[in-house]
């Protein structure tokens, strides 16, 4: 569920699986209130490189 008090954005990251360093980069999209929060959702499984962000209008995907 989206917290309407926070500005929500889609963050884009180029990522590589931590468990397989030979894997090819894959783009990940994450909905979050900040880049830091978005990274927290993915950092356990992926090595991340910031690729961009898109504003989320109407608080829906």
Protein backbone atom coordinates (compact mmCIF):
# COMPACT_ATOMS: atom_id res chain seq x y z
CA UNK A 1 0.00 0.00 0.00
CA UNK A 2 1.27 3.48 -0.83
CA UNK A 3 1.69 6.09 1.88
CA UNK A 4 0.11 9.21 0.35
CA UNK A 5 2.06 11.47 2.73
CA UNK A 6 5.32 10.69 0.93
CA UNK A 7 6.22 11.60 -2.63
CA UNK A 8 6.57 8.29 -4.45
CA UNK A 9 8.93 7.73 -7.35
CA UNK A 10 10.02 4.83 -9.56
CA UNK A 11 13.80 4.36 -9.26
CA UNK A 12 15.73 2.56 -12.00
CA UNK A 13 18.93 0.62 -11.38
CA UNK A 14 21.22 -1.44 -13.56
CA UNK A 15 21.95 -4.51 -11.43
CA UNK A 16 24.01 -7.69 -11.28
CA UNK A 17 23.20 -10.59 -8.99
CA UNK A 18 25.58 -10.74 -6.02
CA UNK A 19 25.48 -14.55 -6.09
CA UNK A 20 26.61 -14.67 -9.74
CA UNK A 21 29.18 -12.03 -10.71
CA UNK A 22 29.24 -13.38 -14.28
CA UNK A 23 25.55 -12.65 -14.79
CA UNK A 24 24.53 -9.98 -17.27
CA UNK A 25 23.25 -6.60 -16.04
CA UNK A 26 19.47 -6.36 -15.67
CA UNK A 27 17.34 -3.24 -15.16
CA UNK A 28 15.40 -3.16 -11.88
CA UNK A 29 12.47 -0.83 -11.15
CA UNK A 30 11.52 -0.03 -7.56
CA UNK A 31 8.77 2.17 -6.16
CA UNK A 32 9.99 4.14 -3.13
CA UNK A 33 9.91 7.52 -1.41
CA UNK A 34 13.70 8.03 -1.77
CA UNK A 35 16.70 6.56 -3.59
CA UNK A 36 18.06 5.32 -0.26
CA UNK A 37 14.85 3.42 0.44
CA UNK A 38 14.86 1.98 -3.09
CA UNK A 39 18.43 0.74 -2.68
CA UNK A 40 17.54 -0.91 0.64
CA UNK A 41 14.95 -3.03 -1.15
CA UNK A 42 17.49 -4.44 -3.62
CA UNK A 43 20.97 -4.22 -2.09
CA UNK A 44 20.82 -7.63 -0.38
CA UNK A 45 20.56 -9.49 -3.70
CA UNK A 46 22.07 -7.10 -6.26
CA UNK A 47 25.05 -4.85 -6.93
CA UNK A 48 23.37 -1.62 -8.07
CA UNK A 49 24.17 1.28 -10.35
CA UNK A 50 21.70 4.18 -10.37
CA UNK A 51 20.13 4.66 -13.81
CA UNK A 52 17.38 7.23 -13.22
CA UNK A 53 14.04 8.03 -11.62
CA UNK A 54 10.51 8.71 -12.82
CA UNK A 55 7.81 10.57 -10.88
CA UNK A 56 4.77 8.47 -10.13
CA UNK A 57 1.56 10.35 -10.91
CA UNK A 58 -1.70 9.49 -9.21
CA UNK A 59 0.07 7.14 -6.75
CA UNK A 60 -0.57 4.08 -8.95
CA UNK A 61 1.65 1.92 -11.12
